Amino acid sequence: MNASYPIACRADLLDDAREEALKKERALQLQVTELKEENERLKTAATLANKERKEATAQTLAEIKNHDLLQARFTRLEGEHFGISNKLERLQLVDNQMTKKVGELEQRAKVAEEALT
């Protein structure tokens, strides 16, 4: 019995070492599985974030284009307003001149009428 004791002891130690190695392997496999799941969650989150970024970029570009169109329209309307203002000023000058001439003609007509009577 004494001669088999060291062999039995070594077999127990070997079994204990195998059992410990299996426990460590299972723990590592669990960690690998958890890391793979976390990696998938991160990939999904990154995909969603990228999609949101692209949508925000597209919206910003659309807003910039709309702003540019509005700015061009405003500039055109501003030019039209300036042109209309100039025409109005000229018409007012012509109206003032015509009013002055009408006044002069009325005055002449009055003088001519008085001369005839």
PDB file of N, CA and C in Angstrom:
ATOM      1  N   MET A   1       0.804  -1.181   0.000  1.00  0.00           N
ATOM      2  CA  MET A   1       0.000   0.000   0.000  1.00  0.00           C
ATOM      3  C   MET A   1       0.854   1.254   0.000  1.00  0.00           C
ATOM      4  N   ASN A   2       1.936   1.137   0.648  1.00  0.00           N
ATOM      5  CA  ASN A   2       2.836   2.263   0.743  1.00  0.00           C
ATOM      6  C   ASN A   2       3.399   2.643  -0.613  1.00  0.00           C
ATOM      7  N   ALA A   3       3.648   1.668  -1.459  1.00  0.00           N
ATOM      8  CA  ALA A   3       4.213   1.935  -2.769  1.00  0.00           C
ATOM      9  C   ALA A   3       3.182   2.559  -3.700  1.00  0.00           C
ATOM     10  N   SER A   4       1.900   2.237  -3.528  1.00  0.00           N
ATOM     11  CA  SER A   4       0.868   2.796  -4.387  1.00  0.00           C
ATOM     12  C   SER A   4       0.401   4.165  -3.913  1.00  0.00           C
ATOM     13  N   TYR A   5       0.691   4.531  -2.700  1.00  0.00           N
ATOM     14  CA  TYR A   5       0.260   5.826  -2.164  1.00  0.00           C
ATOM     15  C   TYR A   5       0.774   6.992  -2.981  1.00  0.00           C
ATOM     16  N   PRO A   6       2.058   7.023  -3.309  1.00  0.00           N
ATOM     17  CA  PRO A   6       2.520   8.159  -4.095  1.00  0.00           C
ATOM     18  C   PRO A   6       1.863   8.214  -5.468  1.00  0.00           C
ATOM     19  N   ILE A   7       1.563   7.070  -6.059  1.00  0.00           N
ATOM     20  CA  ILE A   7       0.897   7.075  -7.357  1.00  0.00           C
ATOM     21  C   ILE A   7      -0.524   7.591  -7.200  1.00  0.00           C
ATOM     22  N   ALA A   8      -1.231   7.146  -6.167  1.00  0.00           N
ATOM     23  CA  ALA A   8      -2.600   7.607  -5.916  1.00  0.00           C
ATOM     24  C   ALA A   8      -2.602   9.093  -5.607  1.00  0.00           C
ATOM     25  N   CYS A   9      -1.619   9.522  -4.851  1.00  0.00           N
ATOM     26  CA  CYS A   9      -1.519  10.948  -4.511  1.00  0.00           C
ATOM     27  C   CYS A   9      -1.268  11.770  -5.764  1.00  0.00           C
ATOM     28  N   ARG A  10      -0.373  11.249  -6.602  1.00  0.00           N
ATOM     29  CA  ARG A  10      -0.099  11.952  -7.852  1.00  0.00           C
ATOM     30  C   ARG A  10      -1.332  11.967  -8.756  1.00  0.00           C
ATOM     31  N   ALA A  11      -2.096  10.889  -8.771  1.00  0.00           N
ATOM     32  CA  ALA A  11      -3.321  10.827  -9.574  1.00  0.00           C
ATOM     33  C   ALA A  11      -4.342  11.828  -9.062  1.00  0.00           C
ATOM     34  N   ASP A  12      -4.457  11.959  -7.727  1.00  0.00           N
ATOM     35  CA  ASP A  12      -5.377  12.947  -7.144  1.00  0.00           C
ATOM     36  C   ASP A  12      -4.942  14.366  -7.505  1.00  0.00           C
ATOM     37  N   LEU A  13      -3.638  14.594  -7.415  1.00  0.00           N
ATOM     38  CA  LEU A  13      -3.128  15.924  -7.770  1.00  0.00           C
ATOM     39  C   LEU A  13      -3.384  16.225  -9.246  1.00  0.00           C
ATOM     40  N   LEU A  14      -3.200  15.209 -10.079  1.00  0.00           N
ATOM     41  CA  LEU A  14      -3.445  15.375 -11.511  1.00  0.00           C
ATOM     42  C   LEU A  14      -4.931  15.633 -11.780  1.00  0.00           C
ATOM     43  N   ASP A  15      -5.810  14.893 -11.093  1.00  0.00           N
ATOM     44  CA  ASP A  15      -7.257  15.111 -11.234  1.00  0.00           C
ATOM     45  C   ASP A  15      -7.638  16.516 -10.773  1.00  0.00           C
ATOM     46  N   ASP A  16      -7.048  16.942  -9.640  1.00  0.00           N
ATOM     47  CA  ASP A  16      -7.323  18.297  -9.129  1.00  0.00           C
ATOM     48  C   ASP A  16      -6.863  19.355 -10.136  1.00  0.00           C
ATOM     49  N   ALA A  17      -5.691  19.110 -10.729  1.00  0.00           N
ATOM     50  CA  ALA A  17      -5.158  20.068 -11.710  1.00  0.00           C
ATOM     51  C   ALA A  17      -6.040  20.105 -12.950  1.00  0.00           C
ATOM     52  N   ARG A  18      -6.510  18.912 -13.397  1.00  0.00           N
ATOM     53  CA  ARG A  18      -7.417  18.874 -14.554  1.00  0.00           C
ATOM     54  C   ARG A  18      -8.723  19.609 -14.252  1.00  0.00           C
ATOM     55  N   GLU A  19      -9.259  19.354 -13.060  1.00  0.00           N
ATOM     56  CA  GLU A  19     -10.515  20.005 -12.663  1.00  0.00           C
ATOM     57  C   GLU A  19     -10.342  21.523 -12.603  1.00  0.00           C
ATOM     58  N   GLU A  20      -9.235  21.958 -12.065  1.00  0.00           N
ATOM     59  CA  GLU A  20      -8.950  23.401 -11.986  1.00  0.00           C
ATOM     60  C   GLU A  20      -8.788  23.990 -13.384  1.00  0.00           C
ATOM     61  N   ALA A  21      -8.114  23.252 -14.258  1.00  0.00           N
ATOM     62  CA  ALA A  21      -7.932  23.712 -15.640  1.00  0.00           C
ATOM     63  C   ALA A  21      -9.276  23.797 -16.355  1.00  0.00           C
ATOM     64  N   LEU A  22     -10.161  22.827 -16.131  1.00  0.00           N
ATOM     65  CA  LEU A  22     -11.498  22.860 -16.738  1.00  0.00           C
ATOM     66  C   LEU A  22     -12.306  24.054 -16.230  1.00  0.00           C
ATOM     67  N   LYS A  23     -12.205  24.330 -14.922  1.00  0.00           N
ATOM     68  CA  LYS A  23     -12.908  25.491 -14.353  1.00  0.00           C
ATOM     69  C   LYS A  23     -12.408  26.785 -15.001  1.00  0.00           C
ATOM     70  N   LYS A  24     -11.085  26.887 -15.133  1.00  0.00           N
ATOM     71  CA  LYS A  24     -10.504  28.084 -15.751  1.00  0.00           C
ATOM     72  C   LYS A  24     -10.924  28.193 -17.214  1.00  0.00           C
ATOM     73  N   GLU A  25     -10.950  27.039 -17.916  1.00  0.00           N
ATOM     74  CA  GLU A  25     -11.357  27.049 -19.321  1.00  0.00           C
ATOM     75  C   GLU A  25     -12.814  27.499 -19.448  1.00  0.00           C
ATOM     76  N   ARG A  26     -13.699  26.977 -18.571  1.00  0.00           N
ATOM     77  CA  ARG A  26     -15.109  27.393 -18.606  1.00  0.00           C
ATOM     78  C   ARG A  26     -15.245  28.884 -18.311  1.00  0.00           C
ATOM     79  N   ALA A  27     -14.476  29.359 -17.329  1.00  0.00           N
ATOM     80  CA  ALA A  27     -14.524  30.786 -16.992  1.00  0.00           C
ATOM     81  C   ALA A  27     -14.051  31.628 -18.176  1.00  0.00           C
ATOM     82  N   LEU A  28     -12.991  31.174 -18.840  1.00  0.00           N
ATOM     83  CA  LEU A  28     -12.484  31.906 -20.006  1.00  0.00           C
ATOM     84  C   LEU A  28     -13.480  31.862 -21.164  1.00  0.00           C
ATOM     85  N   GLN A  29     -14.126  30.697 -21.361  1.00  0.00           N
ATOM     86  CA  GLN A  29     -15.139  30.599 -22.413  1.00  0.00           C
ATOM     87  C   GLN A  29     -16.313  31.536 -22.123  1.00  0.00           C
ATOM     88  N   LEU A  30     -16.695  31.629 -20.850  1.00  0.00           N
ATOM     89  CA  LEU A  30     -17.770  32.549 -20.463  1.00  0.00           C
ATOM     90  C   LEU A  30     -17.352  33.994 -20.733  1.00  0.00           C
ATOM     91  N   GLN A  31     -16.107  34.331 -20.401  1.00  0.00           N
ATOM     92  CA  GLN A  31     -15.607  35.683 -20.676  1.00  0.00           C
ATOM     93  C   GLN A  31     -15.589  35.967 -22.173  1.00  0.00           C
ATOM     94  N   VAL A  32     -15.168  34.974 -22.962  1.00  0.00           N
ATOM     95  CA  VAL A  32     -15.137  35.146 -24.419  1.00  0.00           C
ATOM     96  C   VAL A  32     -16.550  35.386 -24.934  1.00  0.00           C
ATOM     97  N   THR A  33     -17.516  34.603 -24.443  1.00  0.00           N
ATOM     98  CA  THR A  33     -18.912  34.771 -24.864  1.00  0.00           C
ATOM     99  C   THR A  33     -19.423  36.158 -24.483  1.00  0.00           C
ATOM    100  N   GLU A  34     -19.131  36.591 -23.255  1.00  0.00           N
ATOM    101  CA  GLU A  34     -19.561  37.922 -22.807  1.00  0.00           C
ATOM    102  C   GLU A  34     -18.917  39.016 -23.651  1.00  0.00           C
ATOM    103  N   LEU A  35     -17.640  38.851 -23.965  1.00  0.00           N
ATOM    104  CA  LEU A  35     -16.944  39.846 -24.787  1.00  0.00           C
ATOM    105  C   LEU A  35     -17.506  39.886 -26.204  1.00  0.00           C
ATOM    106  N   LYS A  36     -17.851  38.721 -26.749  1.00  0.00           N
ATOM    107  CA  LYS A  36     -18.460  38.690 -28.080  1.00  0.00           C
ATOM    108  C   LYS A  36     -19.810  39.398 -28.066  1.00  0.00           C
ATOM    109  N   GLU A  37     -20.607  39.147 -27.015  1.00  0.00           N
ATOM    110  CA  GLU A  37     -21.908  39.820 -26.901  1.00  0.00           C
ATOM    111  C   GLU A  37     -21.729  41.329 -26.773  1.00  0.00           C
ATOM    112  N   GLU A  38     -20.763  41.739 -25.955  1.00  0.00           N
ATOM    113  CA  GLU A  38     -20.489  43.176 -25.791  1.00  0.00           C
ATOM    114  C   GLU A  38     -20.015  43.782 -27.109  1.00  0.00           C
ATOM    115  N   ASN A  39     -19.198  43.046 -27.841  1.00  0.00           N
ATOM    116  CA  ASN A  39     -18.722  43.509 -29.145  1.00  0.00           C
ATOM    117  C   ASN A  39     -19.897  43.713 -30.099  1.00  0.00           C
ATOM    118  N   GLU A  40     -20.844  42.784 -30.107  1.00  0.00           N
ATOM    119  CA  GLU A  40     -22.028  42.922 -30.965  1.00  0.00           C
ATOM    120  C   GLU A  40     -22.860  44.134 -30.556  1.00  0.00           C
ATOM    121  N   ARG A  41     -23.025  44.338 -29.239  1.00  0.00           N
ATOM    122  CA  ARG A  41     -23.772  45.522 -28.774  1.00  0.00           C
ATOM    123  C   ARG A  41     -23.076  46.809 -29.218  1.00  0.00           C
ATOM    124  N   LEU A  42     -21.753  46.825 -29.102  1.00  0.00           N
ATOM    125  CA  LEU A  42     -20.995  48.010 -29.514  1.00  0.00           C
ATOM    126  C   LEU A  42     -21.080  48.230 -31.019  1.00  0.00           C
ATOM    127  N   LYS A  43     -21.030  47.141 -31.792  1.00  0.00           N
ATOM    128  CA  LYS A  43     -21.171  47.272 -33.247  1.00  0.00           C
ATOM    129  C   LYS A  43     -22.535  47.847 -33.601  1.00  0.00           C
ATOM    130  N   THR A  44     -23.581  47.342 -32.937  1.00  0.00           N
ATOM    131  CA  THR A  44     -24.937  47.839 -33.186  1.00  0.00           C
ATOM    132  C   THR A  44     -25.037  49.318 -32.821  1.00  0.00           C
ATOM    133  N   ALA A  45     -24.483  49.678 -31.664  1.00  0.00           N
ATOM    134  CA  ALA A  45     -24.511  51.080 -31.239  1.00  0.00           C
ATOM    135  C   ALA A  45     -23.733  51.959 -32.216  1.00  0.00           C
ATOM    136  N   ALA A  46     -22.595  51.474 -32.685  1.00  0.00           N
ATOM    137  CA  ALA A  46     -21.794  52.248 -33.645  1.00  0.00           C
ATOM    138  C   ALA A  46     -22.538  52.407 -34.964  1.00  0.00           C
ATOM    139  N   THR A  47     -23.214  51.344 -35.399  1.00  0.00           N
ATOM    140  CA  THR A  47     -23.992  51.415 -36.643  1.00  0.00           C
ATOM    141  C   THR A  47     -25.109  52.443 -36.514  1.00  0.00           C
ATOM    142  N   LEU A  48     -25.818  52.413 -35.386  1.00  0.00           N
ATOM    143  CA  LEU A  48     -26.896  53.387 -35.163  1.00  0.00           C
ATOM    144  C   LEU A  48     -26.347  54.812 -35.087  1.00  0.00           C
ATOM    145  N   ALA A  49     -25.228  54.975 -34.388  1.00  0.00           N
ATOM    146  CA  ALA A  49     -24.629  56.308 -34.278  1.00  0.00           C
ATOM    147  C   ALA A  49     -24.190  56.810 -35.647  1.00  0.00           C
ATOM    148  N   ASN A  50     -23.635  55.937 -36.462  1.00  0.00           N
ATOM    149  CA  ASN A  50     -23.207  56.319 -37.808  1.00  0.00           C
ATOM    150  C   ASN A  50     -24.407  56.707 -38.661  1.00  0.00           C
ATOM    151  N   LYS A  51     -25.492  55.945 -38.539  1.00  0.00           N
ATOM    152  CA  LYS A  51     -26.713  56.257 -39.288  1.00  0.00           C
ATOM    153  C   LYS A  51     -27.258  57.622 -38.860  1.00  0.00           C
ATOM    154  N   GLU A  52     -27.301  57.867 -37.544  1.00  0.00           N
ATOM    155  CA  GLU A  52     -27.782  59.158 -37.044  1.00  0.00           C
ATOM    156  C   GLU A  52     -26.893  60.299 -37.529  1.00  0.00           C
ATOM    157  N   ARG A  53     -25.576  60.065 -37.545  1.00  0.00           N
ATOM    158  CA  ARG A  53     -24.646  61.098 -38.016  1.00  0.00           C
ATOM    159  C   ARG A  53     -24.902  61.410 -39.483  1.00  0.00           C
ATOM    160  N   LYS A  54     -25.098  60.354 -40.295  1.00  0.00           N
ATOM    161  CA  LYS A  54     -25.368  60.563 -41.716  1.00  0.00           C
ATOM    162  C   LYS A  54     -26.676  61.324 -41.916  1.00  0.00           C
ATOM    163  N   GLU A  55     -27.704  60.967 -41.136  1.00  0.00           N
ATOM    164  CA  GLU A  55     -28.989  61.663 -41.250  1.00  0.00           C
ATOM    165  C   GLU A  55     -28.845  63.129 -40.840  1.00  0.00           C
ATOM    166  N   ALA A  56     -28.101  63.367 -39.761  1.00  0.00           N
ATOM    167  CA  ALA A  56     -27.892  64.745 -39.308  1.00  0.00           C
ATOM    168  C   ALA A  56     -27.110  65.541 -40.349  1.00  0.00           C
ATOM    169  N   THR A  57     -26.128  64.909 -40.967  1.00  0.00           N
ATOM    170  CA  THR A  57     -25.354  65.579 -42.014  1.00  0.00           C
ATOM    171  C   THR A  57     -26.241  65.918 -43.203  1.00  0.00           C
ATOM    172  N   ALA A  58     -27.077  64.962 -43.603  1.00  0.00           N
ATOM    173  CA  ALA A  58     -27.988  65.206 -44.729  1.00  0.00           C
ATOM    174  C   ALA A  58     -28.960  66.332 -44.400  1.00  0.00           C
ATOM    175  N   GLN A  59     -29.464  66.344 -43.165  1.00  0.00           N
ATOM    176  CA  GLN A  59     -30.388  67.404 -42.760  1.00  0.00           C
ATOM    177  C   GLN A  59     -29.680  68.757 -42.748  1.00  0.00           C
ATOM    178  N   THR A  60     -28.462  68.779 -42.247  1.00  0.00           N
ATOM    179  CA  THR A  60     -27.700  70.028 -42.218  1.00  0.00           C
ATOM    180  C   THR A  60     -27.444  70.539 -43.629  1.00  0.00           C
ATOM    181  N   LEU A  61     -27.083  69.630 -44.537  1.00  0.00           N
ATOM    182  CA  LEU A  61     -26.854  70.037 -45.928  1.00  0.00           C
ATOM    183  C   LEU A  61     -28.135  70.570 -46.558  1.00  0.00           C
ATOM    184  N   ALA A  62     -29.266  69.939 -46.247  1.00  0.00           N
ATOM    185  CA  ALA A  62     -30.549  70.420 -46.775  1.00  0.00           C
ATOM    186  C   ALA A  62     -30.867  71.806 -46.219  1.00  0.00           C
ATOM    187  N   GLU A  63     -30.587  72.010 -44.927  1.00  0.00           N
ATOM    188  CA  GLU A  63     -30.827  73.320 -44.321  1.00  0.00           C
ATOM    189  C   GLU A  63     -29.914  74.381 -44.937  1.00  0.00           C
ATOM    190  N   ILE A  64     -28.670  74.019 -45.203  1.00  0.00           N
ATOM    191  CA  ILE A  64     -27.736  74.964 -45.830  1.00  0.00           C
ATOM    192  C   ILE A  64     -28.228  75.325 -47.225  1.00  0.00           C
ATOM    193  N   LYS A  65     -28.664  74.313 -47.980  1.00  0.00           N
ATOM    194  CA  LYS A  65     -29.168  74.567 -49.331  1.00  0.00           C
ATOM    195  C   LYS A  65     -30.397  75.466 -49.273  1.00  0.00           C
ATOM    196  N   ASN A  66     -31.303  75.171 -48.339  1.00  0.00           N
ATOM    197  CA  ASN A  66     -32.503  75.993 -48.183  1.00  0.00           C
ATOM    198  C   ASN A  66     -32.123  77.420 -47.795  1.00  0.00           C
ATOM    199  N   HIS A  67     -31.150  77.557 -46.901  1.00  0.00           N
ATOM    200  CA  HIS A  67     -30.698  78.889 -46.502  1.00  0.00           C
ATOM    201  C   HIS A  67     -30.123  79.636 -47.696  1.00  0.00           C
ATOM    202  N   ASP A  68     -29.313  78.943 -48.488  1.00  0.00           N
ATOM    203  CA  ASP A  68     -28.727  79.574 -49.676  1.00  0.00           C
ATOM    204  C   ASP A  68     -29.813  80.025 -50.650  1.00  0.00           C
ATOM    205  N   LEU A  69     -30.834  79.173 -50.836  1.00  0.00           N
ATOM    206  CA  LEU A  69     -31.943  79.544 -51.723  1.00  0.00           C
ATOM    207  C   LEU A  69     -32.692  80.759 -51.180  1.00  0.00           C
ATOM    208  N   LEU A  70     -32.943  80.750 -49.870  1.00  0.00           N
ATOM    209  CA  LEU A  70     -33.633  81.889 -49.261  1.00  0.00           C
ATOM    210  C   LEU A  70     -32.789  83.157 -49.359  1.00  0.00           C
ATOM    211  N   GLN A  71     -31.477  83.010 -49.171  1.00  0.00           N
ATOM    212  CA  GLN A  71     -30.584  84.168 -49.266  1.00  0.00           C
ATOM    213  C   GLN A  71     -30.598  84.729 -50.683  1.00  0.00           C
ATOM    214  N   ALA A  72     -30.560  83.851 -51.678  1.00  0.00           N
ATOM    215  CA  ALA A  72     -30.598  84.308 -53.074  1.00  0.00           C
ATOM    216  C   ALA A  72     -31.929  84.999 -53.370  1.00  0.00           C
ATOM    217  N   ARG A  73     -33.009  84.432 -52.866  1.00  0.00           N
ATOM    218  CA  ARG A  73     -34.331  85.047 -53.077  1.00  0.00           C
ATOM    219  C   ARG A  73     -34.401  86.412 -52.400  1.00  0.00           C
ATOM    220  N   PHE A  74     -33.871  86.499 -51.173  1.00  0.00           N
ATOM    221  CA  PHE A  74     -33.865  87.771 -50.457  1.00  0.00           C
ATOM    222  C   PHE A  74     -33.057  88.813 -51.225  1.00  0.00           C
ATOM    223  N   THR A  75     -31.895  88.405 -51.732  1.00  0.00           N
ATOM    224  CA  THR A  75     -31.045  89.326 -52.492  1.00  0.00           C
ATOM    225  C   THR A  75     -31.774  89.815 -53.740  1.00  0.00           C
ATOM    226  N   ARG A  76     -32.451  88.901 -54.425  1.00  0.00           N
ATOM    227  CA  ARG A  76     -33.209  89.275 -55.628  1.00  0.00           C
ATOM    228  C   ARG A  76     -34.338  90.243 -55.264  1.00  0.00           C
ATOM    229  N   LEU A  77     -35.073  89.940 -54.204  1.00  0.00           N
ATOM    230  CA  LEU A  77     -36.173  90.817 -53.783  1.00  0.00           C
ATOM    231  C   LEU A  77     -35.649  92.178 -53.325  1.00  0.00           C
ATOM    232  N   GLU A  78     -34.494  92.151 -52.671  1.00  0.00           N
ATOM    233  CA  GLU A  78     -33.884  93.405 -52.234  1.00  0.00           C
ATOM    234  C   GLU A  78     -33.536  94.268 -53.449  1.00  0.00           C
ATOM    235  N   GLY A  79     -32.999  93.636 -54.495  1.00  0.00           N
ATOM    236  CA  GLY A  79     -32.682  94.356 -55.733  1.00  0.00           C
ATOM    237  C   GLY A  79     -33.937  94.900 -56.388  1.00  0.00           C
ATOM    238  N   GLU A  80     -34.996  94.083 -56.412  1.00  0.00           N
ATOM    239  CA  GLU A  80     -36.259  94.550 -56.990  1.00  0.00           C
ATOM    240  C   GLU A  80     -36.803  95.732 -56.194  1.00  0.00           C
ATOM    241  N   HIS A  81     -36.702  95.652 -54.868  1.00  0.00           N
ATOM    242  CA  HIS A  81     -37.174  96.751 -54.021  1.00  0.00           C
ATOM    243  C   HIS A  81     -36.391  98.029 -54.316  1.00  0.00           C
ATOM    244  N   PHE A  82     -35.078  97.897 -54.463  1.00  0.00           N
ATOM    245  CA  PHE A  82     -34.244  99.054 -54.768  1.00  0.00           C
ATOM    246  C   PHE A  82     -34.654  99.663 -56.106  1.00  0.00           C
ATOM    247  N   GLY A  83     -34.881  98.800 -57.112  1.00  0.00           N
ATOM    248  CA  GLY A  83     -35.304  99.287 -58.431  1.00  0.00           C
ATOM    249  C   GLY A  83     -36.650  99.987 -58.359  1.00  0.00           C
ATOM    250  N   ILE A  84     -37.584  99.413 -57.616  1.00  0.00           N
ATOM    251  CA  ILE A  84     -38.912 100.024 -57.473  1.00  0.00           C
ATOM    252  C   ILE A  84     -38.803 101.351 -56.741  1.00  0.00           C
ATOM    253  N   SER A  85     -37.960 101.406 -55.716  1.00  0.00           N
ATOM    254  CA  SER A  85     -37.773 102.664 -54.978  1.00  0.00           C
ATOM    255  C   SER A  85     -37.228 103.755 -55.891  1.00  0.00           C
ATOM    256  N   ASN A  86     -36.258 103.399 -56.735  1.00  0.00           N
ATOM    257  CA  ASN A  86     -35.706 104.378 -57.680  1.00  0.00           C
ATOM    258  C   ASN A  86     -36.775 104.866 -58.651  1.00  0.00           C
ATOM    259  N   LYS A  87     -37.583 103.935 -59.182  1.00  0.00           N
ATOM    260  CA  LYS A  87     -38.652 104.324 -60.106  1.00  0.00           C
ATOM    261  C   LYS A  87     -39.656 105.231 -59.406  1.00  0.00           C
ATOM    262  N   LEU A  88     -39.979 104.912 -58.161  1.00  0.00           N
ATOM    263  CA  LEU A  88     -40.929 105.734 -57.408  1.00  0.00           C
ATOM    264  C   LEU A  88     -40.383 107.145 -57.209  1.00  0.00           C
ATOM    265  N   GLU A  89     -39.105 107.251 -56.878  1.00  0.00           N
ATOM    266  CA  GLU A  89     -38.498 108.577 -56.717  1.00  0.00           C
ATOM    267  C   GLU A  89     -38.560 109.364 -58.025  1.00  0.00           C
ATOM    268  N   ARG A  90     -38.254 108.696 -59.145  1.00  0.00           N
ATOM    269  CA  ARG A  90     -38.316 109.385 -60.445  1.00  0.00           C
ATOM    270  C   ARG A  90     -39.743 109.819 -60.760  1.00  0.00           C
ATOM    271  N   LEU A  91     -40.702 108.938 -60.473  1.00  0.00           N
ATOM    272  CA  LEU A  91     -42.108 109.297 -60.717  1.00  0.00           C
ATOM    273  C   LEU A  91     -42.539 110.478 -59.849  1.00  0.00           C
ATOM    274  N   GLN A  92     -42.046 110.514 -58.622  1.00  0.00           N
ATOM    275  CA  GLN A  92     -42.380 111.642 -57.755  1.00  0.00           C
ATOM    276  C   GLN A  92     -41.774 112.937 -58.286  1.00  0.00           C
ATOM    277  N   LEU A  93     -40.544 112.853 -58.811  1.00  0.00           N
ATOM    278  CA  LEU A  93     -39.930 114.039 -59.415  1.00  0.00           C
ATOM    279  C   LEU A  93     -40.739 114.503 -60.624  1.00  0.00           C
ATOM    280  N   VAL A  94     -41.126 113.545 -61.485  1.00  0.00           N
ATOM    281  CA  VAL A  94     -41.937 113.892 -62.659  1.00  0.00           C
ATOM    282  C   VAL A  94     -43.267 114.482 -62.210  1.00  0.00           C
ATOM    283  N   ASP A  95     -43.880 113.885 -61.188  1.00  0.00           N
ATOM    284  CA  ASP A  95     -45.158 114.393 -60.679  1.00  0.00           C
ATOM    285  C   ASP A  95     -44.995 115.816 -60.154  1.00  0.00           C
ATOM    286  N   ASN A  96     -43.914 116.061 -59.432  1.00  0.00           N
ATOM    287  CA  ASN A  96     -43.667 117.420 -58.923  1.00  0.00           C
ATOM    288  C   ASN A  96     -43.481 118.406 -60.073  1.00  0.00           C
ATOM    289  N   GLN A  97     -42.714 117.970 -61.101  1.00  0.00           N
ATOM    290  CA  GLN A  97     -42.511 118.846 -62.259  1.00  0.00           C
ATOM    291  C   GLN A  97     -43.833 119.107 -62.977  1.00  0.00           C
ATOM    292  N   MET A  98     -44.638 118.064 -63.148  1.00  0.00           N
ATOM    293  CA  MET A  98     -45.931 118.220 -63.832  1.00  0.00           C
ATOM    294  C   MET A  98     -46.854 119.121 -63.019  1.00  0.00           C
ATOM    295  N   THR A  99     -46.838 118.945 -61.702  1.00  0.00           N
ATOM    296  CA  THR A  99     -47.678 119.791 -60.847  1.00  0.00           C
ATOM    297  C   THR A  99     -47.247 121.243 -60.966  1.00  0.00           C
ATOM    298  N   LYS A 100     -45.943 121.455 -61.002  1.00  0.00           N
ATOM    299  CA  LYS A 100     -45.417 122.812 -61.154  1.00  0.00           C
ATOM    300  C   LYS A 100     -45.839 123.396 -62.504  1.00  0.00           C
ATOM    301  N   LYS A 101     -45.700 122.596 -63.582  1.00  0.00           N
ATOM    302  CA  LYS A 101     -46.086 123.067 -64.923  1.00  0.00           C
ATOM    303  C   LYS A 101     -47.579 123.340 -64.990  1.00  0.00           C
ATOM    304  N   VAL A 102     -48.386 122.452 -64.399  1.00  0.00           N
ATOM    305  CA  VAL A 102     -49.844 122.671 -64.391  1.00  0.00           C
ATOM    306  C   VAL A 102     -50.155 123.971 -63.669  1.00  0.00           C
ATOM    307  N   GLY A 103     -49.452 124.199 -62.564  1.00  0.00           N
ATOM    308  CA  GLY A 103     -49.651 125.462 -61.838  1.00  0.00           C
ATOM    309  C   GLY A 103     -49.286 126.652 -62.703  1.00  0.00           C
ATOM    310  N   GLU A 104     -48.161 126.532 -63.422  1.00  0.00           N
ATOM    311  CA  GLU A 104     -47.747 127.621 -64.313  1.00  0.00           C
ATOM    312  C   GLU A 104     -48.772 127.827 -65.429  1.00  0.00           C
ATOM    313  N   LEU A 105     -49.244 126.724 -66.017  1.00  0.00           N
ATOM    314  CA  LEU A 105     -50.242 126.831 -67.093  1.00  0.00           C
ATOM    315  C   LEU A 105     -51.546 127.426 -66.575  1.00  0.00           C
ATOM    316  N   GLU A 106     -51.947 127.042 -65.397  1.00  0.00           N
ATOM    317  CA  GLU A 106     -53.167 127.621 -64.815  1.00  0.00           C
ATOM    318  C   GLU A 106     -52.982 129.113 -64.588  1.00  0.00           C
ATOM    319  N   GLN A 107     -51.782 129.462 -64.136  1.00  0.00           N
ATOM    320  CA  GLN A 107     -51.497 130.886 -63.913  1.00  0.00           C
ATOM    321  C   GLN A 107     -51.538 131.641 -65.240  1.00  0.00           C
ATOM    322  N   ARG A 108     -50.952 131.082 -66.297  1.00  0.00           N
ATOM    323  CA  ARG A 108     -50.972 131.712 -67.622  1.00  0.00           C
ATOM    324  C   ARG A 108     -52.397 131.826 -68.146  1.00  0.00           C
ATOM    325  N   ALA A 109     -53.164 130.743 -67.948  1.00  0.00           N
ATOM    326  CA  ALA A 109     -54.556 130.764 -68.411  1.00  0.00           C
ATOM    327  C   ALA A 109     -55.328 131.850 -67.687  1.00  0.00           C
ATOM    328  N   LYS A 110     -55.071 132.003 -66.417  1.00  0.00           N
ATOM    329  CA  LYS A 110     -55.755 133.028 -65.628  1.00  0.00           C
ATOM    330  C   LYS A 110     -55.375 134.416 -66.127  1.00  0.00           C
ATOM    331  N   VAL A 111     -54.070 134.605 -66.399  1.00  0.00           N
ATOM    332  CA  VAL A 111     -53.599 135.895 -66.907  1.00  0.00           C
ATOM    333  C   VAL A 111     -54.201 136.150 -68.285  1.00  0.00           C
ATOM    334  N   ALA A 112     -54.227 135.120 -69.140  1.00  0.00           N
ATOM    335  CA  ALA A 112     -54.788 135.275 -70.486  1.00  0.00           C
ATOM    336  C   ALA A 112     -56.273 135.566 -70.406  1.00  0.00           C
ATOM    337  N   GLU A 113     -56.960 134.916 -69.490  1.00  0.00           N
ATOM    338  CA  GLU A 113     -58.400 135.137 -69.334  1.00  0.00           C
ATOM    339  C   GLU A 113     -58.671 136.562 -68.865  1.00  0.00           C
ATOM    340  N   GLU A 114     -57.838 137.033 -67.963  1.00  0.00           N
ATOM    341  CA  GLU A 114     -58.014 138.404 -67.471  1.00  0.00           C
ATOM    342  C   GLU A 114     -57.706 139.412 -68.575  1.00  0.00           C
ATOM    343  N   ALA A 115     -56.734 139.065 -69.420  1.00  0.00           N
ATOM    344  CA  ALA A 115     -56.386 139.967 -70.510  1.00  0.00           C
ATOM    345  C   ALA A 115     -57.507 140.042 -71.525  1.00  0.00           C
ATOM    346  N   LEU A 116     -58.242 138.985 -71.700  1.00  0.00           N
ATOM    347  CA  LEU A 116     -59.338 138.963 -72.654  1.00  0.00           C
ATOM    348  C   LEU A 116     -60.548 139.720 -72.122  1.00  0.00           C
ATOM    349  N   THR A 117     -60.686 139.816 -70.884  1.00  0.00           N
ATOM    350  CA  THR A 117     -61.867 140.501 -70.358  1.00  0.00           C
ATOM    351  C   THR A 117     -61.667 141.944 -70.094  1.00  0.00           C
TER     352      THR A 117
END
